Amino acid sequence: MATDDTIPSSCSSPIFPMPRATKKAVEAPKTRFRQRQSVDSRLLEGMEKLLLQGESFSSVSVERLAEAAGIGRATFYKHFRDKGELVSHLFEQVRREIVSAAGSWFEDASTTTRADMTRSLRGIIGVYREHHVILSAMAQTALNNEDVARLSSQMREELCQQSRKAVKQLRQAKRAHPEADDLIADILTLAIDHCSTLHPDMLQGRSFDRVVEAWVHISWNALATTRADEK
């Protein structure tokens, strides 16, 4: 029998329901996060739309970008101080997409097979293909803009770190090529980035599959042992 100091086991809801104000406080961060994601995606799409129309990356104004993204100017400044902060955020968004698309190769390469690497590189190169307009524009802008050059270099360095980690996991699992090291991981990462950014035409149509398989062939033979695919 329940006393005044106990809660009957049959109770399916708390005695003291959460106040509405508290519920709103809990939901508010989630709502803001979803709103930020929506704004980020629309701004990225808006920037790519303007670049496809022939505008240069450096000449795009906040007003034109907000209009292309379908948001108000005030909404832009609610999330970003200026276009420079947006550029930084766009680089980070693309980097996150690449890391996510890499799947098992960046998560845990110790058991990766050639088929796994094929899926990972298809995902990575697919992100470059999807955002080739803005990545190519950023690469060109970086030649004359120190801030964009720094952000571009930072993104590549973070991707190289992910590749070094993957090679380390292969070595620890005794599945790495004897000569696979951080330098080879960096070279492969930078080569894929360079070719995918500056030669996006190679990623269109049927050539996409051939490019992916070529990088798989190069990367697998450079990083994994001949026995690695037996796992």
Protein backbone atom coordinates (compact mmCIF):
# COMPACT_ATOMS: atom_id res chain seq x y z
CA MET A 1 0.00 0.00 0.00
CA ALA A 2 1.33 3.42 -0.90
CA THR A 3 1.88 5.92 1.87
CA ASP A 4 1.95 9.69 1.67
CA ASP A 5 5.71 9.49 1.14
CA THR A 6 5.73 7.03 -1.78
CA ILE A 7 4.63 7.08 -5.39
CA PRO A 8 2.40 4.17 -6.43
CA SER A 9 4.12 2.00 -9.02
CA SER A 10 1.04 2.23 -11.24
CA CYS A 11 1.53 5.97 -11.72
CA SER A 12 2.45 6.68 -15.34
CA SER A 13 3.06 10.41 -14.98
CA PRO A 14 4.88 12.56 -12.44
CA ILE A 15 2.91 13.97 -9.50
CA PHE A 16 4.22 17.42 -10.29
CA PRO A 17 3.98 18.06 -14.05
CA MET A 18 6.67 20.21 -15.60
CA PRO A 19 5.56 23.85 -15.72
CA ARG A 20 4.84 25.16 -19.19
CA ALA A 21 7.56 27.76 -18.90
CA THR A 22 10.11 25.02 -18.16
CA LYS A 23 8.95 22.95 -21.14
CA LYS A 24 9.39 25.96 -23.38
CA ALA A 25 12.87 26.52 -21.97
CA VAL A 26 13.81 22.93 -22.81
CA GLU A 27 12.40 23.12 -26.34
CA ALA A 28 13.85 26.55 -27.15
CA PRO A 29 17.45 25.39 -27.87
CA LYS A 30 16.16 22.63 -30.17
CA THR A 31 14.00 25.11 -32.05
CA ARG A 32 16.90 27.55 -32.44
CA PHE A 33 19.15 24.74 -33.68
CA ARG A 34 16.61 23.70 -36.33
CA GLN A 35 16.16 27.32 -37.39
CA ARG A 36 19.93 27.77 -37.67
CA GLN A 37 20.25 24.62 -39.79
CA SER A 38 17.53 25.89 -42.11
CA VAL A 39 19.18 29.30 -42.46
CA ASP A 40 22.59 27.69 -43.07
CA SER A 41 21.27 25.46 -45.84
CA ARG A 42 19.38 28.29 -47.52
CA LEU A 43 22.40 30.60 -47.44
CA LEU A 44 24.64 27.90 -48.91
CA GLU A 45 22.12 27.27 -51.68
CA GLY A 46 21.69 31.01 -52.20
CA MET A 47 25.43 31.57 -52.54
CA GLU A 48 25.76 28.73 -55.05
CA LYS A 49 22.79 30.12 -57.01
CA LEU A 50 24.41 33.56 -57.31
CA LEU A 51 27.76 32.07 -58.32
CA LEU A 52 26.07 30.03 -61.03
CA GLN A 53 24.54 33.27 -62.31
CA GLY A 54 28.05 34.63 -62.83
CA GLU A 55 28.61 36.73 -59.72
CA SER A 56 32.01 36.57 -58.06
CA PHE A 57 32.34 35.36 -54.50
CA SER A 58 33.86 38.60 -53.22
CA SER A 59 31.28 40.85 -54.90
CA VAL A 60 28.17 39.15 -53.49
CA SER A 61 26.53 41.52 -51.00
CA VAL A 62 24.64 40.50 -47.89
CA GLU A 63 21.48 41.99 -49.39
CA ARG A 64 21.77 39.96 -52.62
CA LEU A 65 22.65 36.81 -50.70
CA ALA A 66 19.72 37.18 -48.29
CA GLU A 67 17.38 37.73 -51.22
CA ALA A 68 18.69 34.65 -53.07
CA ALA A 69 18.35 32.58 -49.90
CA GLY A 70 14.79 33.76 -49.33
CA ILE A 71 15.50 35.25 -45.91
CA GLY A 72 15.41 38.77 -44.54
CA ARG A 73 18.52 40.88 -44.06
CA ALA A 74 17.73 41.01 -40.34
CA THR A 75 17.65 37.21 -40.22
CA PHE A 76 21.12 37.09 -41.73
CA TYR A 77 22.53 39.43 -39.09
CA LYS A 78 20.75 37.50 -36.37
CA HIS A 79 23.03 34.55 -37.15
CA PHE A 80 26.19 36.16 -38.59
CA ARG A 81 28.12 39.34 -37.87
CA ASP A 82 29.15 39.77 -41.49
CA LYS A 83 29.89 37.90 -44.71
CA GLY A 84 33.30 36.88 -43.38
CA GLU A 85 31.73 34.93 -40.54
CA LEU A 86 29.35 33.32 -43.03
CA VAL A 87 32.28 32.18 -45.19
CA SER A 88 33.87 30.57 -42.15
CA HIS A 89 30.62 28.81 -41.37
CA LEU A 90 30.18 27.60 -44.97
CA PHE A 91 33.64 26.02 -44.90
CA GLU A 92 32.73 24.29 -41.64
CA GLN A 93 29.43 23.07 -43.05
CA VAL A 94 31.13 21.55 -46.11
CA ARG A 95 33.80 19.98 -43.88
CA ARG A 96 31.12 18.37 -41.70
CA GLU A 97 29.39 16.99 -44.78
CA ILE A 98 32.66 15.49 -46.03
CA VAL A 99 33.41 13.87 -42.66
CA SER A 100 29.88 12.50 -42.44
CA ALA A 101 30.04 11.17 -46.01
CA ALA A 102 33.35 9.42 -45.27
CA GLY A 103 31.51 7.01 -43.00
CA SER A 104 33.59 4.11 -41.68
CA TRP A 105 36.88 5.43 -43.12
CA PHE A 106 36.86 8.39 -40.72
CA GLU A 107 34.92 6.62 -37.95
CA ASP A 108 36.99 3.43 -37.57
CA ALA A 109 39.32 2.42 -40.38
CA SER A 110 40.71 -0.58 -38.50
CA THR A 111 38.27 -2.98 -40.18
CA THR A 112 37.81 -1.10 -43.45
CA THR A 113 37.67 -3.19 -46.63
CA ARG A 114 38.13 -2.00 -50.19
CA ALA A 115 34.34 -1.97 -50.57
CA ASP A 116 34.11 0.26 -47.47
CA MET A 117 36.71 2.62 -48.90
CA THR A 118 34.79 2.76 -52.18
CA ARG A 119 31.64 3.83 -50.34
CA SER A 120 33.60 6.38 -48.30
CA LEU A 121 35.37 7.97 -51.26
CA ARG A 122 32.16 7.98 -53.27
CA GLY A 123 30.57 9.94 -50.44
CA ILE A 124 33.50 12.34 -50.02
CA ILE A 125 33.88 13.09 -53.72
CA GLY A 126 30.10 13.34 -53.99
CA VAL A 127 30.15 16.26 -51.53
CA TYR A 128 32.78 18.00 -53.66
CA ARG A 129 30.58 17.44 -56.72
CA GLU A 130 27.49 18.77 -54.95
CA HIS A 131 29.23 21.95 -53.78
CA HIS A 132 31.69 22.36 -56.65
CA VAL A 133 30.46 25.86 -57.47
CA ILE A 134 31.16 27.37 -54.08
CA LEU A 135 34.35 25.36 -53.49
CA SER A 136 35.80 26.44 -56.84
CA ALA A 137 34.86 30.06 -56.14
CA MET A 138 36.44 29.92 -52.69
CA ALA A 139 39.63 28.44 -54.15
CA GLN A 140 39.88 31.31 -56.64
CA THR A 141 39.09 33.91 -53.98
CA ALA A 142 41.75 32.44 -51.68
CA LEU A 143 44.43 33.52 -54.16
CA ASN A 144 43.81 37.17 -53.27
CA ASN A 145 42.06 37.01 -49.91
CA GLU A 146 44.10 36.02 -46.86
CA ASP A 147 41.07 35.27 -44.69
CA VAL A 148 39.54 32.88 -47.22
CA ALA A 149 42.96 31.32 -47.83
CA ARG A 150 43.34 30.70 -44.10
CA LEU A 151 39.89 29.12 -43.83
CA SER A 152 40.52 26.96 -46.88
CA SER A 153 43.85 25.80 -45.46
CA GLN A 154 42.24 25.08 -42.11
CA MET A 155 39.57 22.87 -43.70
CA ARG A 156 42.19 20.88 -45.61
CA GLU A 157 44.29 20.46 -42.47
CA GLU A 158 41.31 19.11 -40.54
CA LEU A 159 40.59 16.61 -43.33
CA CYS A 160 44.26 15.58 -43.32
CA GLN A 161 44.03 14.96 -39.58
CA GLN A 162 41.09 12.64 -40.18
CA SER A 163 43.08 10.74 -42.82
CA ARG A 164 46.11 10.43 -40.53
CA LYS A 165 43.87 9.01 -37.83
CA ALA A 166 42.51 6.44 -40.29
CA VAL A 167 46.02 5.36 -41.31
CA LYS A 168 47.02 5.08 -37.65
CA GLN A 169 44.04 2.80 -37.03
CA LEU A 170 45.06 0.64 -39.99
CA ARG A 171 48.60 0.38 -38.60
CA GLN A 172 47.36 -0.55 -35.14
CA ALA A 173 45.22 -3.28 -36.70
CA LYS A 174 48.31 -4.47 -38.66
CA ARG A 175 46.43 -3.95 -41.91
CA ALA A 176 48.38 -0.96 -43.25
CA HIS A 177 50.86 -0.96 -46.12
CA PRO A 178 54.41 -0.99 -44.68
CA GLU A 179 55.11 2.46 -46.12
CA ALA A 180 51.77 4.04 -45.24
CA ASP A 181 52.35 7.06 -43.01
CA ASP A 182 51.05 10.55 -42.27
CA LEU A 183 52.75 12.04 -45.33
CA ILE A 184 51.04 9.63 -47.71
CA ALA A 185 47.72 10.28 -45.96
CA ASP A 186 48.22 14.03 -46.43
CA ILE A 187 49.23 13.70 -50.08
CA LEU A 188 46.18 11.60 -50.94
CA THR A 189 43.82 13.91 -49.06
CA LEU A 190 45.21 17.06 -50.67
CA ALA A 191 45.29 15.48 -54.12
CA ILE A 192 41.62 14.49 -53.91
CA ASP A 193 40.74 17.97 -52.62
CA HIS A 194 42.74 19.69 -55.36
CA CYS A 195 41.39 17.62 -58.25
CA SER A 196 37.81 17.69 -57.01
CA THR A 197 37.86 21.46 -56.39
CA LEU A 198 39.72 22.68 -59.47
CA HIS A 199 38.51 20.09 -61.98
CA PRO A 200 34.80 19.62 -61.15
CA ASP A 201 34.06 18.72 -64.78
CA MET A 202 35.71 15.35 -64.08
CA LEU A 203 32.98 14.59 -61.55
CA GLN A 204 30.05 14.97 -63.91
CA GLY A 205 28.11 12.22 -65.64
CA ARG A 206 29.64 8.80 -66.20
CA SER A 207 33.16 9.99 -65.43
CA PHE A 208 32.23 10.31 -61.74
CA ASP A 209 32.29 6.53 -61.22
CA ARG A 210 35.61 6.24 -63.05
CA VAL A 211 37.15 9.00 -60.94
CA VAL A 212 35.97 7.35 -57.72
CA GLU A 213 37.36 3.97 -58.75
CA ALA A 214 40.67 5.57 -59.74
CA TRP A 215 41.04 7.18 -56.30
CA VAL A 216 40.04 3.93 -54.60
CA HIS A 217 42.72 2.07 -56.58
CA ILE A 218 45.39 4.63 -55.70
CA SER A 219 44.38 5.03 -52.05
CA TRP A 220 43.84 1.35 -51.28
CA ASN A 221 47.14 0.24 -52.79
CA ALA A 222 49.01 3.06 -51.04
CA LEU A 223 47.49 2.54 -47.59
CA ALA A 224 46.40 -1.07 -47.10
CA THR A 225 48.18 -4.42 -47.12
CA THR A 226 47.34 -7.00 -49.75
CA ARG A 227 45.69 -9.02 -46.98
CA ALA A 228 43.53 -6.17 -45.67
CA ASP A 229 40.54 -7.10 -47.81
CA GLU A 230 40.42 -10.55 -46.26
CA LYS A 231 38.86 -9.10 -43.09
